[in-house]
Amino acid sequence: MARNLLKNPSGEEQMEFWELIENGGSQWRVEEMPGDCGHDFGDDGIKTYFATSFEACLKRQVVDLVAEGYSPEDLDGQPAVTVEDWYCGRTDCGCTYQLTVCLLDENQEELEKFQPDQVTLDPDSDDCSWKQVTHTFSEYGEGLRFISFEHGGQDTRFWDGWFGVRVTGSSVTVEL
């Protein structure tokens, strides 16, 4: 089984290893499952999540594949790269969620990008339970050396505090 290349995918180490791209409102924070007006995750191994605020909160991690032990030759064979993320909203406030994952070459220039449409969760029409997004890259060409994983969002009512989207269980795997 391929290993998760993201460090601190669920906030066990607070914000360690994540670059804060946008840290608006009350800023990012880590909370324990299920949190106020939240849902259990369903995996006992995941006990925390990242919570966003009333202004945009985006964080990123860039994985250096060569530093992680992959040879340029193996990477030029275009192995499958699978990304996964879990997100949910609160049952009392709407939120938005977004994800952008880019495969990058040695100069960190984009080879391929996965960027699904922004999701809006509304507790009046959605149960706001944990949802998974997953994508597998293939046939993206030679030159892969880095992977940029960026996600986040905010609440839709601009309430002071941490009422925005919650994210956890993020992963990036390379299948050789």
Protein backbone atom coordinates (compact mmCIF):
# COMPACT_ATOMS: atom_id res chain seq x y z
CA MET A 1 0.00 0.00 0.00
CA ALA A 2 1.31 3.43 -0.91
CA ARG A 3 2.11 5.80 1.96
CA ASN A 4 0.52 9.18 2.50
CA LEU A 5 3.08 11.83 1.51
CA LEU A 6 1.26 14.66 3.30
CA LYS A 7 2.54 15.40 6.77
CA ASN A 8 0.04 16.21 9.53
CA PRO A 9 -3.02 15.49 7.35
CA SER A 10 -5.60 15.88 10.13
CA GLY A 11 -4.10 18.47 12.46
CA GLU A 12 -2.57 16.16 15.05
CA GLU A 13 0.40 18.57 15.12
CA GLN A 14 -1.67 21.77 14.88
CA MET A 15 -0.54 23.73 11.75
CA GLU A 16 2.91 22.10 11.50
CA PHE A 17 4.05 21.39 7.89
CA TRP A 18 1.30 23.58 6.33
CA GLU A 19 1.93 26.89 4.60
CA LEU A 20 -0.91 29.30 5.32
CA ILE A 21 -1.86 30.92 2.01
CA GLU A 22 -4.85 32.80 3.42
CA ASN A 23 -5.56 32.96 7.13
CA GLY A 24 -8.54 35.30 7.36
CA GLY A 25 -11.14 35.99 9.98
CA SER A 26 -10.42 34.20 13.22
CA GLN A 27 -7.79 32.19 11.29
CA TRP A 28 -7.28 28.45 10.96
CA ARG A 29 -7.48 26.27 14.04
CA VAL A 30 -7.55 22.58 14.93
CA GLU A 31 -10.55 21.10 16.75
CA GLU A 32 -11.43 17.65 18.09
CA MET A 33 -14.08 15.40 16.54
CA PRO A 34 -16.99 15.84 16.28
CA GLY A 35 -16.82 19.51 17.32
CA ASP A 36 -19.73 21.86 17.95
CA CYS A 37 -22.64 21.17 15.58
CA GLY A 38 -20.51 18.54 13.85
CA HIS A 39 -20.55 14.94 12.75
CA ASP A 40 -18.45 11.95 13.76
CA PHE A 41 -15.94 11.00 11.08
CA GLY A 42 -16.38 7.25 11.05
CA ASP A 43 -12.67 6.42 11.34
CA ASP A 44 -11.53 6.12 14.94
CA GLY A 45 -7.96 6.89 13.85
CA ILE A 46 -8.88 10.46 12.92
CA LYS A 47 -9.61 12.51 16.02
CA THR A 48 -9.01 16.09 14.83
CA TYR A 49 -9.75 18.38 11.89
CA PHE A 50 -8.82 21.82 10.63
CA ALA A 51 -11.55 24.48 10.96
CA THR A 52 -11.89 27.63 8.85
CA SER A 53 -13.33 31.01 9.70
CA PHE A 54 -15.46 33.80 8.24
CA GLU A 55 -12.86 34.99 5.73
CA ALA A 56 -10.90 32.87 3.29
CA CYS A 57 -8.67 30.24 4.89
CA LEU A 58 -6.39 28.33 2.50
CA LYS A 59 -3.39 26.19 3.36
CA ARG A 60 -0.90 24.32 1.20
CA GLN A 61 1.71 21.63 1.39
CA VAL A 62 4.23 21.00 -1.39
CA VAL A 63 5.63 17.47 -1.51
CA ASP A 64 9.18 17.06 -2.89
CA LEU A 65 8.97 13.60 -4.42
CA VAL A 66 12.73 13.13 -4.91
CA ALA A 67 13.34 14.06 -1.25
CA GLU A 68 10.66 11.49 -0.35
CA GLY A 69 12.75 8.78 -2.05
CA TYR A 70 11.27 8.56 -5.56
CA SER A 71 13.80 8.45 -8.39
CA PRO A 72 13.38 10.73 -11.42
CA GLU A 73 13.28 7.59 -13.58
CA ASP A 74 10.38 6.13 -11.58
CA LEU A 75 8.53 9.46 -11.70
CA ASP A 76 9.07 9.79 -15.46
CA GLY A 77 7.21 6.49 -15.78
CA GLN A 78 4.08 8.49 -14.86
CA PRO A 79 2.95 6.48 -11.84
CA ALA A 80 -0.64 6.99 -10.72
CA VAL A 81 -0.94 9.85 -8.22
CA THR A 82 -4.06 9.72 -6.05
CA VAL A 83 -5.26 12.61 -3.91
CA GLU A 84 -8.00 12.45 -1.32
CA ASP A 85 -9.59 14.96 1.01
CA TRP A 86 -12.51 14.96 3.43
CA TYR A 87 -14.65 18.00 4.20
CA CYS A 88 -17.84 18.85 6.06
CA GLY A 89 -19.82 21.79 7.34
CA ARG A 90 -21.49 22.59 10.63
CA THR A 91 -25.20 21.93 11.10
CA ASP A 92 -25.81 25.60 12.02
CA CYS A 93 -23.88 27.57 9.35
CA GLY A 94 -23.22 27.23 5.65
CA CYS A 95 -19.71 27.11 4.21
CA THR A 96 -17.65 26.82 1.06
CA TYR A 97 -14.91 24.30 0.31
CA GLN A 98 -12.24 24.31 -2.37
CA LEU A 99 -9.36 22.07 -3.39
CA THR A 100 -6.51 22.53 -5.88
CA VAL A 101 -3.85 19.89 -6.50
CA CYS A 102 -1.06 20.48 -9.01
CA LEU A 103 1.57 18.14 -10.38
CA LEU A 104 4.76 20.16 -10.80
CA ASP A 105 8.07 19.73 -12.60
CA GLU A 106 11.57 20.39 -11.19
CA ASN A 107 11.03 24.18 -11.56
CA GLN A 108 7.63 23.85 -9.86
CA GLU A 109 5.89 24.66 -13.13
CA GLU A 110 2.47 23.06 -13.55
CA LEU A 111 2.19 19.81 -15.50
CA GLU A 112 -1.43 19.08 -14.62
CA LYS A 113 -4.06 20.42 -12.23
CA PHE A 114 -7.13 19.03 -10.48
CA GLN A 115 -9.46 21.77 -9.30
CA PRO A 116 -13.08 20.71 -8.85
CA ASP A 117 -15.76 23.39 -8.63
CA GLN A 118 -16.04 25.12 -5.28
CA VAL A 119 -18.64 23.38 -3.09
CA THR A 120 -21.19 25.26 -1.01
CA LEU A 121 -22.76 23.38 1.90
CA ASP A 122 -26.04 24.71 3.31
CA PRO A 123 -27.41 23.06 6.47
CA ASP A 124 -30.96 23.85 5.29
CA SER A 125 -30.56 21.55 2.27
CA ASP A 126 -27.61 19.28 3.16
CA ASP A 127 -26.81 17.23 6.26
CA CYS A 128 -23.25 18.70 6.15
CA SER A 129 -21.75 15.30 7.04
CA TRP A 130 -18.22 14.31 6.02
CA LYS A 131 -17.77 14.00 2.24
CA GLN A 132 -14.83 12.64 0.31
CA VAL A 133 -13.24 14.03 -2.83
CA THR A 134 -10.70 11.88 -4.64
CA HIS A 135 -8.86 12.07 -7.93
CA THR A 136 -6.20 9.97 -9.65
CA PHE A 137 -3.77 11.56 -12.09
CA SER A 138 -2.42 9.43 -14.95
CA GLU A 139 -0.79 10.04 -18.34
CA TYR A 140 0.40 13.50 -17.29
CA GLY A 141 3.77 13.37 -19.08
CA GLU A 142 7.34 13.14 -17.85
CA GLY A 143 8.97 15.50 -15.39
CA LEU A 144 6.89 15.12 -12.21
CA ARG A 145 8.99 16.15 -9.18
CA PHE A 146 6.61 18.00 -6.80
CA ILE A 147 2.94 17.89 -5.82
CA SER A 148 1.14 20.96 -4.46
CA PHE A 149 -1.95 20.22 -2.33
CA GLU A 150 -4.03 23.27 -1.34
CA HIS A 151 -7.46 23.39 0.29
CA GLY A 152 -9.74 25.41 2.52
CA GLY A 153 -12.80 27.63 2.50
CA GLN A 154 -14.87 29.79 4.83
CA ASP A 155 -18.34 30.18 6.28
CA THR A 156 -21.12 31.79 4.27
CA ARG A 157 -22.66 33.87 7.06
CA PHE A 158 -19.51 35.71 8.16
CA TRP A 159 -19.97 34.71 11.80
CA ASP A 160 -17.05 35.54 14.10
CA GLY A 161 -15.28 32.32 15.05
CA TRP A 162 -14.79 28.95 13.34
CA PHE A 163 -18.04 28.29 11.49
CA GLY A 164 -16.51 27.50 8.09
CA VAL A 165 -15.65 24.27 6.35
CA ARG A 166 -13.79 21.56 8.22
CA VAL A 167 -11.12 19.42 6.51
CA THR A 168 -9.27 16.28 7.58
CA GLY A 169 -7.82 13.00 6.37
CA SER A 170 -6.04 14.57 3.41
CA SER A 171 -3.71 12.31 1.44
CA VAL A 172 -1.39 12.18 -1.57
CA THR A 173 -0.08 8.79 -2.68
CA VAL A 174 2.13 7.67 -5.57
CA GLU A 175 1.65 4.12 -6.87
CA LEU A 176 4.86 2.68 -8.33
